Structures are given as C-alpha cells and as structure tokens.
C-alpha cells in the first residue's frame, strides 16, 4: 500500500468514525409585534370606516332617525338609556349562561352514558335529534303554557338549542378514540372507568370544546327567541322585549343600541369560549400548536 493509499484510507476511516451531521429543526421565529398589530388593527380600521360611511350617508341624504338613525344618535341612546338596556341585558345574559351551564353538564353526562352503553344511545339519541331539528319558535308557545314561570320557559328554550351541539360533539369525540390505544388499555387490564378518565375524555376534549363554541352563540340566540315568543314586560324583561318596545314606539336609536349590545355579547361569548379552547389545547393538540415550518 502506498503512502497515498494509506493516507486516503485513514481519511475514509476517520470520516466513517465521525458522527452524522444531524440538523435539528429550527424553532419557529416569534411572531413580530408589527404582524400582531396589523392583525388587530385592520378590523378596527374597517369598522371605523363603515361607521364613517354610515354617518355620511345619513347626514347627506337627511334620512329620518326613525328610519335609519346615525351612529351619533345610537351612541346617545346607549348613554341616555344605559340603565334600562343594561338591566335588560343582564337578564338575557343570566338566562344564556344558565342554559349553557345546564347544557354542558347534561350533554357531557348523556354523551358518556351513550358511549358506555349502546342500548342507552339507541333509546335516547333519536329524541335528542328530534328536539334539535324542531324549530324552537314552533314549540316555544307550548313551553310557555306548561312551564311554571316565563323565565323558566325561556331558560328551557335556550337549553334545548344549546344542548344538542354539546351532546353530538362530545359523543363523536368519545367514539373517535384511537382503537389501538383502546386495545392497549384492555391489554394492561384497565377498567372502563380508567379508560374513560385517562383516554376517552382527553381524546374527546377538542370535540367538546368545538361544541362549546357553537352552544355559546346558540344559547344567546335561543334566549332572545324565547323572549320574543314570551313577550314579557316589566322588571323581569330581557333585551329582546326592549327591542320590541323600541320598535312599537319607533324609538329606532334605542333599538339599534340594543342590537349593538346583543352583538357585543355574542362576540364576547365567542372569544371567551375560544380562549378556553386555546388554553386547554395549546400545549398538546394539533389544532392549537403552532407549526414549526
């Protein structure tokens, strides 16, 4: 062997002994503050532009306030009628969240029962579907007849609408548990309770949170529909009655103010449920974890 061959052989052997060049994936670059600012600034600018166009249109065309009030008149109505609208809003929000809480507890409990027993699912699930597909405005008069109070009737209306999304999504999540993991739990002798707590419920959590976001908005809508059907007046009336009252009195600025409050309430409910979903899923679920590339 020549010196050159020996030298080349040493080089080859040395190269073979070197560890492979493994490049770890780079961590995702943090989102720039300017990007976050633009993300929130663009919708705000769009909203301000729409309000400006609305104000200009009403002013230039001299539209009567009982046809289309200007944003300034709507703001004045919110300020002057704040106590009336706020008390009515509180009643609607209280009914909404009470119905949502009952729907969450009942929907999750029934979903667990149906996931554990096929017979319970066959017996109860069709009737849950019937309640969901029946328009709530059609059965609201019957609920108002048989319910002991008007407030309880509105609560039942809101609960019926919010119940099915929680039940359906949670049931689907419990059914979507990985069969290989279920077999693994059976192999290690886990009980049905242990399998439910440590495997099925965590697997169904994203589905449940999706149903929560849907049910939150639907509970508010159903509460307003129930108030429309009930037509309650007085101290216990919600924001829907204030809408009807403003319409009958041609107080359109107050009507728009009530609509603004309802819209803001729905937006806050959506953001609150989305925040809960993000906090519970951000560290482990693919839908909330930021991609590395």
Protein backbone atom coordinates (compact mmCIF):
# COMPACT_ATOMS: atom_id res chain seq x y z
CA UNK A 1 0.00 0.00 0.00
CA UNK A 2 1.39 3.33 -0.97
CA UNK A 3 1.56 6.31 1.27
CA UNK A 4 -1.16 7.99 -0.73
CA UNK A 5 -3.49 4.97 -0.39
CA UNK A 6 -2.76 4.74 3.33
CA UNK A 7 -3.47 8.42 3.71
CA UNK A 8 -6.76 8.08 1.77
CA UNK A 9 -7.71 5.06 3.85
CA UNK A 10 -7.10 6.98 7.03
CA UNK A 11 -9.26 9.76 5.73
CA UNK A 12 -12.07 7.33 4.89
CA UNK A 13 -11.83 5.64 8.27
CA UNK A 14 -11.81 8.95 10.04
CA UNK A 15 -14.84 10.08 8.06
CA UNK A 16 -16.63 6.85 8.91
CA UNK A 17 -15.99 7.40 12.61
CA UNK A 18 -17.39 10.95 12.53
CA UNK A 19 -20.97 11.28 13.75
CA UNK A 20 -23.54 12.06 11.07
CA UNK A 21 -24.42 15.68 10.52
CA UNK A 22 -27.88 15.92 12.03
CA UNK A 23 -29.53 19.30 11.80
CA UNK A 24 -32.24 19.91 14.32
CA UNK A 25 -35.30 21.78 13.09
CA UNK A 26 -35.17 25.43 13.84
CA UNK A 27 -37.55 26.85 16.35
CA UNK A 28 -40.32 28.88 14.78
CA UNK A 29 -39.49 32.53 14.73
CA UNK A 30 -41.63 34.53 17.14
CA UNK A 31 -44.38 36.47 15.53
CA UNK A 32 -43.33 40.06 15.02
CA UNK A 33 -45.16 42.71 17.03
CA UNK A 34 -45.97 44.52 13.80
CA UNK A 35 -47.76 41.43 12.48
CA UNK A 36 -49.87 41.19 15.62
CA UNK A 37 -50.65 44.88 15.44
CA UNK A 38 -51.80 44.62 11.83
CA UNK A 39 -53.92 41.59 12.66
CA UNK A 40 -55.97 43.59 15.16
CA UNK A 41 -55.69 46.99 13.53
CA UNK A 42 -57.20 46.08 10.15
CA UNK A 43 -60.64 45.06 11.52
CA UNK A 44 -60.75 48.16 13.72
CA UNK A 45 -59.97 50.42 10.76
CA UNK A 46 -62.65 48.64 8.72
CA UNK A 47 -65.21 49.18 11.48
CA UNK A 48 -64.34 52.87 11.80
CA UNK A 49 -64.63 53.25 8.02
CA UNK A 50 -68.07 51.62 7.97
CA UNK A 51 -69.31 53.86 10.78
CA UNK A 52 -67.97 56.92 8.96
CA UNK A 53 -69.73 55.94 5.71
CA UNK A 54 -72.93 55.30 7.68
CA UNK A 55 -72.75 58.74 9.30
CA UNK A 56 -72.02 60.49 5.99
CA UNK A 57 -74.87 58.69 4.21
CA UNK A 58 -77.44 59.62 6.88
CA UNK A 59 -76.25 63.22 7.03
CA UNK A 60 -76.04 63.86 3.29
CA UNK A 61 -79.37 62.23 2.46
CA UNK A 62 -81.10 63.63 5.58
CA UNK A 63 -82.52 60.23 6.48
CA UNK A 64 -85.06 60.50 9.36
CA UNK A 65 -83.85 58.96 12.59
CA UNK A 66 -86.97 56.76 12.81
CA UNK A 67 -85.92 55.15 9.50
CA UNK A 68 -82.15 54.90 9.96
CA UNK A 69 -80.52 56.65 12.90
CA UNK A 70 -76.98 57.94 12.65
CA UNK A 71 -74.19 56.40 14.72
CA UNK A 72 -74.21 59.55 16.85
CA UNK A 73 -77.88 59.07 17.71
CA UNK A 74 -77.28 55.40 18.51
CA UNK A 75 -74.44 56.37 20.85
CA UNK A 76 -76.68 58.97 22.51
CA UNK A 77 -79.40 56.34 23.00
CA UNK A 78 -76.88 53.97 24.60
CA UNK A 79 -75.83 56.70 27.02
CA UNK A 80 -79.29 58.03 27.92
CA UNK A 81 -80.98 54.60 28.16
CA UNK A 82 -77.97 52.82 29.65
CA UNK A 83 -79.65 51.74 32.88
CA UNK A 84 -82.71 50.28 31.12
CA UNK A 85 -80.66 48.46 28.48
CA UNK A 86 -78.05 47.22 30.97
CA UNK A 87 -80.63 45.70 33.32
CA UNK A 88 -82.37 44.00 30.39
CA UNK A 89 -79.02 42.76 29.04
CA UNK A 90 -78.13 41.28 32.42
CA UNK A 91 -81.35 39.23 32.46
CA UNK A 92 -80.67 37.89 28.95
CA UNK A 93 -77.04 37.07 29.79
CA UNK A 94 -78.06 35.34 33.02
CA UNK A 95 -80.53 33.11 31.16
CA UNK A 96 -77.95 32.42 28.45
CA UNK A 97 -75.19 31.28 30.78
CA UNK A 98 -77.54 29.29 33.00
CA UNK A 99 -78.87 27.42 29.97
CA UNK A 100 -75.33 26.91 28.68
CA UNK A 101 -74.16 25.50 32.01
CA UNK A 102 -77.08 23.07 32.20
CA UNK A 103 -76.47 22.06 28.57
CA UNK A 104 -72.79 21.39 29.28
CA UNK A 105 -73.46 19.23 32.32
CA UNK A 106 -76.37 17.35 30.78
CA UNK A 107 -74.78 16.98 27.35
CA UNK A 108 -71.48 15.61 28.64
CA UNK A 109 -73.19 13.27 31.13
CA UNK A 110 -75.54 11.87 28.48
CA UNK A 111 -72.70 11.54 25.96
CA UNK A 112 -70.70 9.49 28.46
CA UNK A 113 -73.70 7.24 29.13
CA UNK A 114 -74.29 6.70 25.42
CA UNK A 115 -70.60 5.96 24.84
CA UNK A 116 -70.67 3.33 27.59
CA UNK A 117 -73.93 1.67 26.56
CA UNK A 118 -75.17 1.09 23.03
CA UNK A 119 -78.70 0.47 24.32
CA UNK A 120 -78.88 3.89 26.00
CA UNK A 121 -77.72 5.50 22.77
CA UNK A 122 -80.37 3.71 20.73
CA UNK A 123 -83.04 4.70 23.26
CA UNK A 124 -82.23 8.40 23.76
CA UNK A 125 -80.25 9.78 20.83
CA UNK A 126 -83.16 9.84 18.30
CA UNK A 127 -85.21 12.01 20.66
CA UNK A 128 -82.31 14.41 21.12
CA UNK A 129 -82.18 14.74 17.33
CA UNK A 130 -85.94 15.39 17.21
CA UNK A 131 -85.56 18.20 19.75
CA UNK A 132 -82.74 19.71 17.72
CA UNK A 133 -84.42 19.66 14.31
CA UNK A 134 -87.74 21.02 15.61
CA UNK A 135 -87.75 24.85 15.29
CA UNK A 136 -87.65 26.35 18.77
CA UNK A 137 -90.04 29.12 17.75
CA UNK A 138 -92.64 26.42 16.98
CA UNK A 139 -92.50 24.74 20.39
CA UNK A 140 -91.91 27.92 22.43
CA UNK A 141 -95.69 28.56 22.88
CA UNK A 142 -96.14 25.05 24.30
CA UNK A 143 -93.21 25.53 26.65
CA UNK A 144 -94.73 28.83 27.80
CA UNK A 145 -98.01 27.03 28.57
CA UNK A 146 -96.52 24.17 30.59
CA UNK A 147 -93.59 25.92 32.27
CA UNK A 148 -94.32 27.29 35.76
CA UNK A 149 -92.87 30.76 35.03
CA UNK A 150 -91.96 32.77 31.98
CA UNK A 151 -88.29 32.89 32.95
CA UNK A 152 -88.13 29.11 33.28
CA UNK A 153 -89.79 28.76 29.86
CA UNK A 154 -87.14 31.00 28.27
CA UNK A 155 -84.45 29.01 30.07
CA UNK A 156 -85.84 25.75 28.68
CA UNK A 157 -85.85 27.20 25.15
CA UNK A 158 -82.23 28.26 25.45
CA UNK A 159 -81.24 24.90 26.96
CA UNK A 160 -82.88 22.86 24.18
CA UNK A 161 -80.94 24.72 21.48
CA UNK A 162 -77.59 24.64 23.32
CA UNK A 163 -77.88 21.02 24.45
CA UNK A 164 -77.53 19.14 21.16
CA UNK A 165 -74.19 20.61 19.93
CA UNK A 166 -72.56 19.62 23.22
CA UNK A 167 -74.11 16.16 23.15
CA UNK A 168 -73.35 15.49 19.48
CA UNK A 169 -69.75 16.74 19.53
CA UNK A 170 -68.86 15.04 22.80
CA UNK A 171 -70.36 11.75 21.63
CA UNK A 172 -68.41 11.97 18.38
CA UNK A 173 -65.23 12.68 20.32
CA UNK A 174 -65.72 9.68 22.60
CA UNK A 175 -66.31 7.48 19.55
CA UNK A 176 -63.18 8.82 17.81
CA UNK A 177 -60.77 7.43 20.39
CA UNK A 178 -57.90 5.55 18.75
CA UNK A 179 -58.78 1.83 18.69
CA UNK A 180 -55.14 0.86 19.09
CA UNK A 181 -54.97 2.79 22.35
CA UNK A 182 -58.22 1.21 23.49
CA UNK A 183 -56.73 -2.22 22.82
CA UNK A 184 -53.61 -1.22 24.72
CA UNK A 185 -55.65 -0.20 27.75
CA UNK A 186 -57.51 -3.53 27.59
CA UNK A 187 -54.21 -5.38 27.32
CA UNK A 188 -52.97 -3.78 30.54
CA UNK A 189 -56.23 -4.57 32.32
CA UNK A 190 -57.55 -1.03 32.68
CA UNK A 191 -61.10 -0.73 33.93
CA UNK A 192 -63.82 1.07 31.97
CA UNK A 193 -63.60 3.98 34.41
CA UNK A 194 -59.81 4.28 33.97
CA UNK A 195 -60.18 4.08 30.20
CA UNK A 196 -62.82 6.79 30.26
CA UNK A 197 -60.85 9.18 32.50
CA UNK A 198 -57.36 8.71 31.08
CA UNK A 199 -58.08 8.06 27.41
CA UNK A 200 -61.59 8.75 26.11
CA UNK A 201 -62.27 12.08 27.81
CA UNK A 202 -58.90 13.64 26.81
CA UNK A 203 -59.47 12.37 23.28
CA UNK A 204 -62.95 13.93 23.19
CA UNK A 205 -61.84 17.28 24.65
CA UNK A 206 -61.27 19.05 21.27
CA UNK A 207 -64.70 17.91 20.08
CA UNK A 208 -66.32 19.07 23.30
CA UNK A 209 -64.69 22.50 23.04
CA UNK A 210 -65.91 22.85 19.45
CA UNK A 211 -69.42 22.09 20.67
CA UNK A 212 -68.97 24.62 23.46
CA UNK A 213 -68.21 27.40 20.98
CA UNK A 214 -71.30 26.53 18.97
CA UNK A 215 -73.56 26.17 22.01
CA UNK A 216 -72.48 29.53 23.46
CA UNK A 217 -73.78 31.50 20.49
CA UNK A 218 -76.88 29.35 20.09
CA UNK A 219 -77.83 29.77 23.76
CA UNK A 220 -77.86 33.56 23.34
CA UNK A 221 -79.92 33.32 20.14
CA UNK A 222 -82.42 30.94 21.75
CA UNK A 223 -82.76 33.17 24.82
CA UNK A 224 -83.64 36.11 22.58
CA UNK A 225 -86.09 33.98 20.56
CA UNK A 226 -87.70 32.76 23.78
CA UNK A 227 -88.09 36.33 25.00
CA UNK A 228 -89.66 37.30 21.67
CA UNK A 229 -92.15 34.44 21.97
CA UNK A 230 -92.91 35.20 25.62
CA UNK A 231 -93.30 38.95 25.11
CA UNK A 232 -92.65 39.58 28.79
CA UNK A 233 -92.71 43.10 30.14
CA UNK A 234 -91.81 44.78 33.38
CA UNK A 235 -88.79 44.39 35.63
CA UNK A 236 -88.07 40.82 34.54
CA UNK A 237 -87.94 41.54 30.81
CA UNK A 238 -84.82 40.90 28.81
CA UNK A 239 -83.19 42.73 25.97
CA UNK A 240 -85.48 41.17 23.37
CA UNK A 241 -88.51 42.90 24.90
CA UNK A 242 -86.63 46.21 24.74
CA UNK A 243 -86.18 45.59 21.03
CA UNK A 244 -89.93 45.07 20.60
CA UNK A 245 -90.74 48.03 22.78
CA UNK A 246 -88.42 50.29 20.80
CA UNK A 247 -89.98 49.08 17.55
CA UNK A 248 -93.53 49.78 18.72
CA UNK A 249 -92.56 53.26 19.92
CA UNK A 250 -90.49 53.99 16.81
CA UNK A 251 -87.50 54.59 19.08
CA UNK A 252 -85.13 53.22 16.46
CA UNK A 253 -81.93 54.62 18.03
CA UNK A 254 -82.62 52.59 21.18
CA UNK A 255 -83.42 49.56 19.01
CA UNK A 256 -80.02 49.87 17.31
CA UNK A 257 -78.39 50.32 20.70
CA UNK A 258 -79.96 47.07 21.94
CA UNK A 259 -78.76 45.32 18.79
CA UNK A 260 -75.24 46.61 19.41
CA UNK A 261 -75.30 45.25 22.95
CA UNK A 262 -76.55 41.86 21.75
CA UNK A 263 -73.84 41.70 19.09
CA UNK A 264 -71.12 42.62 21.57
CA UNK A 265 -72.40 39.97 23.97
CA UNK A 266 -72.28 37.30 21.27
CA UNK A 267 -68.75 38.36 20.30
CA UNK A 268 -67.60 38.22 23.92
CA UNK A 269 -69.11 34.74 24.35
CA UNK A 270 -67.34 33.54 21.22
CA UNK A 271 -63.99 34.97 22.29
CA UNK A 272 -64.37 33.59 25.82
CA UNK A 273 -65.08 30.06 24.58
CA UNK A 274 -62.27 30.33 22.02
CA UNK A 275 -59.88 31.42 24.78
CA UNK A 276 -60.87 28.46 26.94
CA UNK A 277 -60.30 26.15 23.97
CA UNK A 278 -56.89 27.66 23.27
CA UNK A 279 -55.74 27.42 26.88
CA UNK A 280 -56.75 23.77 27.16
CA UNK A 281 -55.32 22.64 23.80
CA UNK A 282 -52.33 24.89 23.12
CA UNK A 283 -49.69 22.55 24.60
CA UNK A 284 -50.67 19.23 23.06
CA UNK A 285 -53.34 19.26 20.33
CA UNK A 286 -52.51 19.79 16.67
CA UNK A 287 -55.29 22.31 16.17
CA UNK A 288 -53.73 24.74 18.66
CA UNK A 289 -49.97 24.02 18.45
CA UNK A 290 -48.09 26.37 16.18
CA UNK A 291 -46.35 24.70 13.24
CA UNK A 292 -42.57 24.68 13.14
CA UNK A 293 -42.29 25.35 9.42
